[in-house]
Protein backbone atom coordinates (compact mmCIF):
# COMPACT_ATOMS: atom_id res chain seq x y z
CA MET A 1 -16.54 15.43 -3.89
CA HIS A 2 -18.63 13.12 -1.75
CA PRO A 3 -20.62 9.88 -2.32
CA ARG A 4 -23.63 11.68 -0.79
CA HIS A 5 -23.84 13.98 -3.97
CA PHE A 6 -24.27 10.96 -6.10
CA ALA A 7 -26.90 9.29 -4.01
CA ASN A 8 -28.85 12.22 -5.01
CA THR A 9 -28.11 12.53 -8.68
CA ALA A 10 -27.42 8.82 -9.52
CA PRO A 11 -28.89 7.02 -6.83
CA ASP A 12 -28.81 3.55 -8.66
CA ARG A 13 -25.39 3.70 -9.92
CA PRO A 14 -23.20 1.00 -8.44
CA ALA A 15 -20.70 2.65 -6.07
CA ILE A 16 -19.26 -0.83 -5.20
CA VAL A 17 -19.10 -4.36 -6.81
CA MET A 18 -17.54 -7.37 -5.71
CA ALA A 19 -15.88 -8.94 -8.60
CA ALA A 20 -16.20 -12.64 -7.32
CA THR A 21 -19.84 -12.67 -6.67
CA GLY A 22 -21.31 -9.52 -8.48
CA ALA A 23 -22.99 -8.50 -5.25
CA ALA A 24 -23.01 -4.68 -5.38
CA THR A 25 -24.11 -1.41 -3.54
CA SER A 26 -25.59 1.57 -5.09
CA TYR A 27 -24.68 5.10 -4.18
CA ALA A 28 -28.18 5.54 -2.55
CA GLU A 29 -27.42 2.26 -0.54
CA LEU A 30 -24.07 3.52 0.50
CA GLU A 31 -25.52 6.77 1.93
CA VAL A 32 -28.11 4.88 4.05
CA ALA A 33 -25.32 2.75 5.20
CA GLY A 34 -23.12 5.64 6.05
CA ASN A 35 -25.61 7.43 7.97
CA ARG A 36 -26.77 4.52 9.89
CA GLY A 37 -23.23 3.55 10.87
CA ALA A 38 -22.35 7.02 11.90
CA GLN A 39 -25.74 7.16 14.20
CA LEU A 40 -24.55 3.65 15.66
CA PHE A 41 -21.05 5.27 16.58
CA ARG A 42 -22.61 8.08 18.12
CA SER A 43 -25.08 6.00 20.16
CA LEU A 44 -22.20 4.11 21.34
CA GLY A 45 -20.36 7.34 22.60
CA ILE A 46 -17.80 7.17 20.03
CA ALA A 47 -17.09 11.19 19.32
CA ALA A 48 -15.22 13.15 16.71
CA GLY A 49 -11.68 12.38 16.99
CA ASP A 50 -11.96 8.93 18.51
CA THR A 51 -10.69 5.76 16.46
CA VAL A 52 -12.51 2.63 15.27
CA ALA A 53 -11.08 -0.33 13.51
CA VAL A 54 -11.69 -2.76 10.77
CA TRP A 55 -10.12 -6.33 10.66
CA LEU A 56 -11.55 -7.62 7.51
CA LYS A 57 -10.76 -9.20 4.33
CA ASN A 58 -12.07 -7.33 1.07
CA CYS A 59 -15.74 -7.35 1.43
CA LEU A 60 -18.90 -5.32 0.55
CA GLU A 61 -19.27 -3.57 3.54
CA TYR A 62 -15.74 -2.21 4.03
CA PHE A 63 -16.41 1.23 2.46
CA PRO A 64 -19.80 1.44 3.98
CA ILE A 65 -18.14 1.35 7.44
CA TYR A 66 -15.37 3.74 5.94
CA TRP A 67 -17.95 6.40 5.13
CA ALA A 68 -19.75 6.21 8.45
CA ALA A 69 -16.45 6.84 10.22
CA GLN A 70 -15.69 9.72 7.72
CA ARG A 71 -18.79 11.40 8.29
CA ALA A 72 -18.64 11.06 12.06
CA GLY A 73 -15.32 12.74 12.31
CA LEU A 74 -13.50 9.63 13.35
CA TYR A 75 -10.19 7.89 12.54
CA LEU A 76 -10.73 4.65 10.91
CA CYS A 77 -7.85 2.28 11.44
CA PRO A 78 -7.48 -0.82 8.90
CA ILE A 79 -5.88 -3.79 10.23
CA SER A 80 -4.29 -6.34 7.99
CA SER A 81 -6.29 -9.82 7.92
CA GLN A 82 -2.89 -11.40 7.76
CA LEU A 83 -1.78 -10.40 11.29
CA THR A 84 -1.68 -12.64 14.54
CA ALA A 85 -4.07 -12.01 17.36
CA GLU A 86 -0.99 -10.57 19.07
CA GLU A 87 -0.27 -8.27 16.18
CA ALA A 88 -3.68 -7.06 15.90
CA ALA A 89 -3.98 -6.60 19.71
CA TYR A 90 -0.80 -4.13 19.33
CA ILE A 91 -2.39 -2.03 16.75
CA LEU A 92 -5.69 -1.79 18.39
CA ASN A 93 -3.99 -0.93 21.53
CA ASP A 94 -1.65 1.60 20.26
CA SER A 95 -4.02 3.34 18.14
CA GLY A 96 -6.69 3.76 20.98
CA SER A 97 -9.69 2.17 18.99
CA LYS A 98 -12.66 1.86 20.79
CA LEU A 99 -14.55 -0.30 18.46
CA LEU A 100 -13.62 -3.18 15.96
CA VAL A 101 -15.52 -4.71 13.28
CA THR A 102 -14.18 -8.12 12.27
CA HIS A 103 -15.25 -11.15 10.84
CA ALA A 104 -14.61 -15.00 11.51
CA ASP A 105 -12.84 -15.33 8.05
CA VAL A 106 -10.17 -13.32 9.41
CA PRO A 107 -7.84 -16.42 10.63
CA ALA A 108 -6.84 -14.85 14.05
CA ALA A 109 -10.09 -13.22 14.95
CA ALA A 110 -11.42 -15.81 17.21
CA ASP A 111 -8.17 -16.16 18.87
CA LEU A 112 -8.19 -12.56 19.82
CA LEU A 113 -11.58 -12.52 21.24
CA ARG A 114 -11.04 -15.45 23.55
CA ASP A 115 -8.86 -13.17 25.57
CA ARG A 116 -10.78 -10.06 24.50
CA ALA A 117 -10.34 -8.74 28.12
CA GLY A 118 -6.96 -9.13 28.55
CA ALA A 119 -5.58 -8.40 25.00
CA ILE A 120 -7.56 -5.31 24.14
CA PRO A 121 -9.01 -3.91 27.16
CA GLY A 122 -9.78 -0.30 25.68
CA VAL A 123 -11.89 -1.76 22.93
CA ALA A 124 -15.28 -1.39 24.40
CA HIS A 125 -17.10 -2.87 21.53
CA VAL A 126 -16.75 -5.59 18.93
CA PHE A 127 -19.07 -6.32 16.07
CA ASP A 128 -18.96 -9.54 13.85
CA LEU A 129 -19.71 -8.68 10.15
CA GLY A 130 -20.92 -12.55 9.68
CA ALA A 131 -21.76 -14.84 12.50
CA GLY A 132 -19.86 -17.23 14.60
CA LEU A 133 -17.55 -14.95 16.52
CA ASP A 134 -18.14 -15.53 20.45
CA GLY A 135 -18.33 -12.26 22.29
CA ALA A 136 -18.99 -10.06 19.17
CA ALA A 137 -22.26 -8.50 18.46
CA SER A 138 -23.96 -8.46 15.01
CA TRP A 139 -22.67 -5.24 12.88
CA GLN A 140 -25.75 -5.74 10.55
CA ALA A 141 -28.26 -6.10 13.15
CA ALA A 142 -26.93 -3.00 15.09
CA VAL A 143 -26.71 -0.81 11.92
CA ALA A 144 -30.22 -1.73 10.89
CA ALA A 145 -31.81 -0.56 14.34
CA GLN A 146 -30.42 2.99 13.58
CA PRO A 147 -32.14 5.85 11.82
CA ALA A 148 -31.01 6.68 8.11
CA GLU A 149 -30.86 10.44 8.60
CA ARG A 150 -27.51 12.20 9.14
CA ILE A 151 -26.08 12.67 12.60
CA ALA A 152 -26.41 16.37 13.82
CA ASP A 153 -22.72 16.91 14.31
CA GLU A 154 -21.14 15.56 11.01
CA SER A 155 -17.31 16.49 10.56
CA ALA A 156 -14.65 14.96 8.18
CA GLY A 157 -12.68 11.98 9.56
CA TYR A 158 -9.64 10.33 7.85
CA HIS A 159 -8.06 6.83 8.20
CA LEU A 160 -5.22 5.95 10.56
CA VAL A 161 -3.06 3.69 8.82
CA TYR A 162 0.00 1.49 10.20
CA SER A 163 3.02 0.81 7.92
CA SER A 164 3.35 -2.71 6.89
CA GLY A 165 6.16 -3.64 9.31
CA THR A 166 8.45 -4.86 6.89
CA THR A 167 11.53 -3.55 8.99
CA GLY A 168 10.02 -3.77 12.42
CA ARG A 169 6.97 -3.12 14.39
CA PRO A 170 4.21 -1.21 12.41
CA LYS A 171 3.90 2.49 12.98
CA GLY A 172 0.72 4.49 13.10
CA ILE A 173 0.57 7.20 10.87
CA ARG A 174 -1.81 9.76 11.96
CA LEU A 175 -2.79 13.37 10.21
CA PRO A 176 -4.57 16.07 12.03
CA LEU A 177 -8.21 16.13 11.23
CA THR A 178 -9.43 19.29 9.36
CA GLY A 179 -12.69 19.84 11.24
CA GLU A 180 -14.18 20.83 7.97
CA PRO A 181 -17.75 19.32 6.92
CA ALA A 182 -17.85 15.88 6.05
CA GLU A 183 -18.58 16.83 2.30
CA ALA A 184 -15.67 19.30 2.04
CA PRO A 185 -13.61 18.50 -0.89
CA HIS A 186 -10.29 16.19 -0.47
CA MET A 187 -7.06 16.93 -1.92
CA LEU A 188 -6.22 13.34 -2.84
CA ALA A 189 -9.60 13.24 -4.99
CA GLU A 190 -8.77 16.36 -6.64
CA ARG A 191 -5.52 15.01 -7.79
CA ILE A 192 -6.72 11.80 -9.15
CA SER A 193 -9.58 13.51 -11.09
CA GLY A 194 -6.87 16.02 -12.48
CA ARG A 195 -4.31 13.65 -13.21
CA TYR A 196 -6.20 10.80 -14.64
CA GLY A 197 -9.53 11.87 -15.64
CA VAL A 198 -11.30 9.83 -13.01
CA GLY A 199 -15.09 10.72 -12.93
CA GLU A 200 -18.58 9.30 -12.86
CA ALA A 201 -18.30 7.49 -16.19
CA SER A 202 -15.03 5.85 -14.72
CA VAL A 203 -14.89 2.12 -13.78
CA LEU A 204 -11.94 1.48 -11.18
CA LEU A 205 -10.66 -2.03 -10.39
CA SER A 206 -9.19 -2.59 -7.01
CA PRO A 207 -6.93 -5.85 -6.97
CA ALA A 208 -5.17 -5.39 -3.65
CA PRO A 209 -6.29 -5.40 0.06
CA LEU A 210 -8.34 -2.50 1.19
CA TYR A 211 -6.54 -2.47 4.36
CA HIS A 212 -3.56 -0.86 2.64
CA THR A 213 -3.28 2.83 2.16
CA ALA A 214 -3.26 3.27 -1.65
CA PRO A 215 -6.30 0.82 -2.27
CA LEU A 216 -8.20 2.51 0.49
CA ALA A 217 -7.35 6.00 -0.62
CA TYR A 218 -8.10 5.21 -4.46
CA GLY A 219 -11.38 3.76 -3.37
CA MET A 220 -12.32 6.86 -1.34
CA ALA A 221 -11.58 9.00 -4.29
CA ALA A 222 -13.60 6.88 -6.62
CA HIS A 223 -16.62 7.42 -4.37
CA ARG A 224 -15.76 11.10 -4.12
CA LEU A 225 -15.72 11.41 -7.85
CA GLY A 226 -18.84 9.22 -8.62
CA ALA A 227 -17.17 6.17 -10.21
CA THR A 228 -17.90 2.49 -9.86
CA LEU A 229 -15.41 0.37 -7.72
CA VAL A 230 -15.01 -3.20 -8.53
CA ILE A 231 -13.15 -4.93 -5.58
CA MET A 232 -11.15 -8.37 -6.05
CA ASP A 233 -10.99 -10.59 -3.21
CA ARG A 234 -7.43 -11.26 -3.79
CA PHE A 235 -5.02 -10.66 -6.88
CA ASP A 236 -4.93 -13.24 -9.64
CA ALA A 237 -3.37 -12.21 -12.94
CA GLU A 238 -5.54 -13.73 -15.40
CA GLU A 239 -8.79 -12.80 -13.44
CA VAL A 240 -7.47 -9.01 -13.70
CA LEU A 241 -7.81 -9.54 -17.33
CA ARG A 242 -11.17 -11.14 -17.27
CA LEU A 243 -12.54 -8.26 -15.18
CA ILE A 244 -11.09 -5.47 -17.15
CA GLU A 245 -13.09 -6.99 -19.99
CA ARG A 246 -16.14 -7.60 -18.06
CA HIS A 247 -16.62 -4.50 -16.51
CA ARG A 248 -15.01 -2.40 -19.04
CA VAL A 249 -12.34 -1.15 -16.43
CA THR A 250 -11.03 2.28 -17.17
CA PHE A 251 -8.34 2.77 -14.30
CA MET A 252 -6.34 0.61 -11.96
CA GLN A 253 -3.82 1.39 -9.26
CA MET A 254 -1.13 -1.47 -8.97
CA VAL A 255 2.13 -2.60 -7.41
CA PRO A 256 5.22 -3.76 -9.57
CA THR A 257 4.75 -7.26 -8.08
CA MET A 258 1.48 -7.31 -10.10
CA PHE A 259 3.26 -6.36 -13.27
CA ILE A 260 5.44 -9.07 -13.00
CA ARG A 261 2.97 -11.63 -12.17
CA LEU A 262 1.00 -10.28 -15.53
CA LEU A 263 3.91 -10.48 -17.68
CA ALA A 264 4.66 -14.09 -16.59
CA LEU A 265 1.28 -15.10 -18.06
CA PRO A 266 1.77 -16.94 -21.60
CA ASP A 267 1.45 -14.57 -24.45
CA ASP A 268 -1.72 -16.26 -25.90
CA VAL A 269 -3.48 -15.50 -22.33
CA ARG A 270 -2.47 -12.07 -22.32
CA MET A 271 -3.72 -11.36 -25.70
CA ARG A 272 -7.13 -13.34 -25.20
CA TYR A 273 -8.97 -10.40 -23.39
CA ASP A 274 -10.27 -7.04 -24.72
CA LEU A 275 -8.35 -4.47 -22.71
CA SER A 276 -9.39 -1.57 -24.89
CA SER A 277 -11.34 0.03 -22.03
CA LEU A 278 -8.47 0.54 -20.04
CA GLU A 279 -7.41 4.30 -20.15
CA LYS A 280 -4.70 4.50 -17.17
CA ILE A 281 -2.87 2.51 -14.79
CA VAL A 282 -0.83 4.15 -11.81
CA HIS A 283 1.96 2.31 -9.77
CA ALA A 284 3.90 2.91 -6.69
CA ALA A 285 4.93 1.24 -3.34
CA ALA A 286 8.12 -0.25 -4.54
CA PRO A 287 10.74 0.44 -7.34
CA CYS A 288 9.77 -1.04 -10.51
CA PRO A 289 12.63 -2.50 -12.65
CA VAL A 290 13.30 -0.92 -15.89
CA GLU A 291 12.48 -3.56 -18.27
CA VAL A 292 9.21 -4.71 -16.26
CA LYS A 293 7.77 -1.43 -16.96
CA ARG A 294 9.19 -1.05 -20.48
CA ARG A 295 7.54 -4.18 -21.34
CA MET A 296 4.05 -2.99 -19.77
CA ILE A 297 4.11 -0.16 -21.89
CA GLU A 298 5.15 -2.04 -25.08
CA TRP A 299 1.97 -4.43 -24.04
CA LEU A 300 -0.57 -1.81 -22.94
CA GLY A 301 0.53 1.46 -24.66
CA PRO A 302 1.75 4.51 -22.77
CA ILE A 303 -0.90 4.37 -20.16
CA ILE A 304 1.32 3.51 -17.36
CA TYR A 305 1.96 6.43 -14.68
CA GLU A 306 4.03 6.44 -11.50
CA TYR A 307 4.13 8.32 -8.17
CA TYR A 308 6.38 8.10 -5.22
CA GLY A 309 5.16 8.86 -1.75
CA GLY A 310 4.14 7.36 1.33
CA SER A 311 1.22 7.19 3.90
CA GLU A 312 2.71 9.89 5.73
CA GLY A 313 1.86 12.50 3.16
CA ASN A 314 5.16 14.47 3.44
CA GLY A 315 5.33 15.05 -0.28
CA SER A 316 5.27 13.24 -3.40
CA THR A 317 6.75 12.72 -7.18
CA PHE A 318 4.87 12.17 -10.21
CA ILE A 319 6.04 11.09 -13.78
CA THR A 320 3.66 10.34 -16.90
CA PRO A 321 4.54 7.47 -19.25
CA GLN A 322 5.89 9.93 -21.88
CA GLU A 323 8.22 11.37 -19.24
CA TRP A 324 9.44 7.95 -18.27
CA LEU A 325 10.23 6.83 -21.67
CA ALA A 326 12.65 9.78 -21.76
CA HIS A 327 13.96 9.29 -18.21
CA PRO A 328 13.65 5.44 -17.72
CA GLY A 329 13.71 4.34 -14.22
CA SER A 330 12.82 7.64 -12.66
CA VAL A 331 9.94 8.12 -10.18
CA GLY A 332 9.42 11.61 -11.58
CA ARG A 333 9.56 15.13 -10.18
CA ALA A 334 8.11 16.46 -7.06
CA ASP A 335 4.78 17.63 -7.55
CA TRP A 336 3.92 18.00 -3.82
CA GLY A 337 6.54 19.43 -1.76
CA THR A 338 10.17 20.33 -2.55
CA LEU A 339 12.76 17.55 -2.84
CA HIS A 340 16.06 17.54 -1.08
CA ILE A 341 18.82 14.91 -1.28
CA CYS A 342 21.16 14.89 1.74
CA GLY A 343 24.25 13.14 2.39
CA GLU A 344 25.40 11.78 5.82
CA ASP A 345 26.46 15.18 7.13
CA GLY A 346 22.93 16.52 6.43
CA GLU A 347 24.20 18.62 3.64
CA GLU A 348 22.49 18.74 0.35
CA VAL A 349 24.39 16.95 -2.50
CA PRO A 350 24.74 17.94 -6.12
CA PRO A 351 22.54 16.14 -8.92
CA GLY A 352 23.74 12.66 -9.67
CA THR A 353 24.94 12.06 -6.11
CA ASP A 354 22.84 9.40 -3.94
CA GLY A 355 21.63 10.81 -0.52
CA LEU A 356 18.49 10.57 1.74
CA VAL A 357 15.40 11.47 0.23
CA TYR A 358 13.55 14.44 2.22
CA PHE A 359 10.29 16.37 1.15
CA GLU A 360 9.77 20.12 2.49
CA GLY A 361 5.92 21.21 2.30
CA GLY A 362 3.93 18.08 2.69
CA TRP A 363 1.53 17.20 5.59
CA ASP A 364 2.93 17.50 9.17
CA PHE A 365 2.57 13.76 9.92
CA GLN A 366 3.18 12.26 13.32
CA TYR A 367 4.05 8.70 14.22
CA LEU A 368 1.29 7.59 16.87
CA ASN A 369 2.93 7.17 20.41
CA ASP A 370 6.50 7.40 19.09
CA PRO A 371 8.20 10.95 19.25
CA GLY A 372 11.34 9.22 18.70
CA LYS A 373 10.40 7.83 15.30
CA THR A 374 8.77 11.11 14.50
CA ARG A 375 12.17 12.98 15.49
CA ASP A 376 14.08 10.61 13.62
CA ALA A 377 12.24 11.24 10.16
CA ARG A 378 12.76 14.86 10.59
CA HIS A 379 16.04 16.50 9.13
CA PRO A 380 18.18 17.43 12.11
CA ALA A 381 18.97 21.03 10.81
CA HIS A 382 15.54 21.62 9.10
CA PRO A 383 12.54 20.30 11.06
CA GLY A 384 10.09 21.00 8.21
CA TRP A 385 11.99 18.31 6.02
CA SER A 386 11.15 14.95 6.50
CA THR A 387 12.22 11.53 4.98
CA LEU A 388 10.56 7.95 4.33
CA GLY A 389 14.17 6.52 4.66
CA ASP A 390 14.89 6.00 1.11
CA ILE A 391 18.04 6.76 -0.75
CA GLY A 392 18.07 8.33 -4.15
CA HIS A 393 19.58 10.88 -6.39
CA VAL A 394 18.03 13.66 -8.71
CA ASP A 395 19.29 14.41 -12.59
CA ALA A 396 19.93 17.90 -13.84
CA GLU A 397 16.30 18.20 -14.80
CA GLY A 398 15.00 17.23 -11.09
CA TYR A 399 13.83 13.73 -11.75
CA LEU A 400 14.15 11.56 -8.77
CA TYR A 401 15.80 7.92 -9.15
CA LEU A 402 15.47 5.88 -5.87
CA THR A 403 18.31 3.29 -5.07
CA ASP A 404 16.95 1.65 -2.07
CA ARG A 405 15.75 1.78 1.41
CA LYS A 406 18.58 3.16 4.00
CA SER A 407 17.68 0.19 6.02
CA PHE A 408 18.62 -2.40 3.29
CA MET A 409 21.71 -1.13 2.73
CA ILE A 410 24.77 -3.48 3.00
CA ILE A 411 28.14 -2.53 4.06
CA SER A 412 30.83 -4.84 3.02
CA GLY A 413 34.35 -4.02 3.67
CA GLY A 414 33.46 -0.29 4.35
CA VAL A 415 31.42 -0.18 0.83
CA ASN A 416 27.91 0.97 0.84
CA ILE A 417 25.93 -1.56 -1.31
CA TYR A 418 22.20 -0.99 -2.38
CA PRO A 419 20.55 -4.35 -3.13
CA GLN A 420 17.80 -3.21 -5.34
CA GLU A 421 19.83 -2.81 -8.36
CA THR A 422 20.93 -6.61 -7.89
CA GLU A 423 17.34 -7.60 -7.17
CA ASN A 424 16.02 -5.66 -10.56
CA LEU A 425 18.44 -7.56 -12.42
CA LEU A 426 17.76 -11.09 -10.91
CA ILE A 427 14.00 -10.79 -11.15
CA GLN A 428 14.24 -10.41 -15.01
CA HIS A 429 16.13 -13.91 -15.23
CA PRO A 430 13.69 -16.39 -16.82
CA GLU A 431 14.44 -18.91 -14.02
CA VAL A 432 13.66 -16.59 -11.34
CA ALA A 433 10.12 -15.88 -9.65
CA ASP A 434 11.11 -13.89 -6.86
CA VAL A 435 14.25 -12.58 -5.07
CA ALA A 436 15.57 -10.83 -2.11
CA VAL A 437 19.27 -9.56 -1.74
CA ILE A 438 20.42 -9.19 1.69
CA GLY A 439 23.70 -8.82 3.74
CA VAL A 440 24.70 -11.49 5.78
CA PRO A 441 27.60 -11.86 8.44
CA HIS A 442 31.19 -12.13 7.34
CA PRO A 443 34.10 -12.56 9.69
CA GLU A 444 36.41 -10.15 7.70
CA MET A 445 34.26 -7.78 5.55
CA GLY A 446 31.45 -7.48 8.03
CA GLU A 447 28.63 -8.38 5.65
CA GLU A 448 28.59 -10.02 2.25
CA VAL A 449 26.01 -9.88 -0.28
CA LYS A 450 23.56 -13.06 -0.54
CA ALA A 451 20.64 -13.57 -2.72
CA VAL A 452 17.71 -15.57 -1.58
CA VAL A 453 15.76 -16.80 -4.85
CA GLN A 454 12.36 -18.31 -5.36
CA PRO A 455 12.80 -20.28 -8.42
CA ARG A 456 10.26 -20.41 -11.03
CA ASN A 457 10.46 -24.38 -11.15
CA TRP A 458 11.76 -25.61 -7.58
CA ASP A 459 13.05 -28.60 -9.32
CA ASP A 460 15.97 -26.34 -10.44
CA ALA A 461 16.94 -25.24 -7.28
CA GLY A 462 20.66 -26.19 -6.55
CA PRO A 463 24.14 -25.25 -7.47
CA ASP A 464 24.03 -25.32 -11.07
CA LEU A 465 21.25 -22.50 -11.08
CA ALA A 466 22.89 -20.59 -8.39
CA GLU A 467 26.30 -20.61 -10.24
CA ARG A 468 24.00 -19.32 -13.30
CA LEU A 469 22.57 -16.63 -11.35
CA ILE A 470 25.85 -15.53 -9.99
CA ALA A 471 27.30 -15.41 -13.37
CA HIS A 472 24.35 -13.36 -14.78
CA CYS A 473 24.96 -10.84 -12.16
CA ARG A 474 28.74 -10.75 -12.77
CA ALA A 475 28.06 -10.21 -16.51
CA HIS A 476 26.05 -6.84 -15.81
CA LEU A 477 27.03 -5.67 -12.50
CA SER A 478 30.22 -4.29 -10.45
CA HIS A 479 31.35 -7.64 -8.70
CA VAL A 480 31.14 -5.87 -5.31
CA LYS A 481 27.06 -5.62 -6.05
CA CYS A 482 27.05 -9.49 -6.96
CA PRO A 483 25.90 -12.00 -4.51
CA ARG A 484 28.69 -14.18 -3.14
CA SER A 485 26.31 -17.07 -2.62
CA ILE A 486 22.46 -17.91 -3.16
CA ASP A 487 20.03 -19.95 -1.19
CA PHE A 488 16.66 -20.99 -2.47
CA ASP A 489 13.02 -20.47 -0.87
CA PRO A 490 9.99 -21.86 -2.29
CA ALA A 491 8.12 -18.80 -1.53
CA LEU A 492 9.73 -15.43 -0.20
CA PRO A 493 7.73 -13.93 2.42
CA ARG A 494 5.64 -10.83 1.09
CA HIS A 495 3.02 -8.69 2.45
CA ASP A 496 -0.16 -9.33 0.23
CA THR A 497 0.26 -5.79 -1.10
CA GLY A 498 3.47 -7.07 -2.83
CA LYS A 499 6.09 -5.65 -0.28
CA LEU A 500 8.89 -7.88 0.73
CA TYR A 501 9.35 -8.98 4.60
CA LYS A 502 13.00 -8.53 4.06
CA GLN A 503 13.70 -8.45 7.86
CA GLU A 504 12.08 -11.85 8.16
CA ILE A 505 14.85 -13.16 5.66
CA ARG A 506 17.70 -11.33 7.33
CA LYS A 507 16.55 -13.03 10.62
CA ARG A 508 17.73 -16.52 9.29
CA TYR A 509 21.08 -15.41 8.85
CA TRP A 510 21.72 -12.82 11.86
CA PRO A 511 21.98 -13.99 15.55
CA ALA A 512 19.40 -12.82 17.60
CA LYS A 513 20.30 -9.71 19.95
């Protein structure tokens, strides 16, 4: 359950392959790089329990740095390469990072380092993975100067991730370190092995940014299980199919936005590639429209699994494709922790009734430096229950169906409206490429429903398309859930993991407070 094992038993096996270039790192090379990185951390006075950060695009060095931090008992804080210098500085300062590894191809890296002393005073060491960043030392040179032996005081570290910040400032999610040996088994790897059969013969394709929790965690698990991890620079629908064929990919972790883009490919393109090696896909991160998932299963077969859970690790659900076909739209039953659905009064509600989704029995997470947010995530009467802020209900068999996020709820004339259902309907319309449904101010009703649509063809944007889309909604949904108006946007703001920055869209319509 650790890449070191495979450095001894299968040293030449590729641990990492970069899809675009073919550049690779073997398990033996990963072990040496991990040891040298850990030696460097210790030489700089960085001790177990400290935090180091990476601000990088997907690259060959990402996981060698991760494994160096993991065996040194450190928190590794991955930062989105899309952030501004100010946003990255906030995370570096909030996390207490003592060291940063970055690269000139991160757009705002140079801006941050121009005011390094003022912006990130606690970051004592900054390393450049490439060349050309003023004020940063060479990571490669520093690591190469270190011995390749293990450090004397190894212990297990972990990642410290920040939420995407789609509804406000990102929150740091820090779980307690175990103090166990670096090579101790890890629950996530055990679950991925047991659920999906990932092992030494597996090839995982990672199409998403590694600074996001799921791609980082699944990559970590791949290395703990001796698999080969193929990393894309960025998601491209047809390139995913090419890579599955080329590398005989067996497993992928994806998000529903990727499904939608794959299904948008012409039929002849989707049928052009040999995908027979693909054994399982798992998806999460956002609700998947029922028809989208049904079409994916029709195309690829019953190989698509799903889970619901967050970086907080407070609990999770899981559903197989066979279960989903019998319970379409469900995200499964609790497989880690106990589910509780609670109404506004905090009391549990019966099956079929929407309420706030709580888990009992998962990890005891904390939002770093924010006891208020930590407290708000706990049930007022049951401190051992925690929520990610999602609304949903369970059926009589205990299968969970998500309605929406509580923070996205629209209140119009005293009626609670959850926009996810409307979004799921509109995204399946042939003239819609992307959509966000939000509440906008209304003088009498408080809020009214508006859809902001990215059309497949921008030339179609206008009153006629708006009228067609509203009529489409009214033909399938209660009128109270349907948009009263539609605006058009050439590209909705999305995190490159697929999450929609709905708060950015809302700001266009709500006066600044």
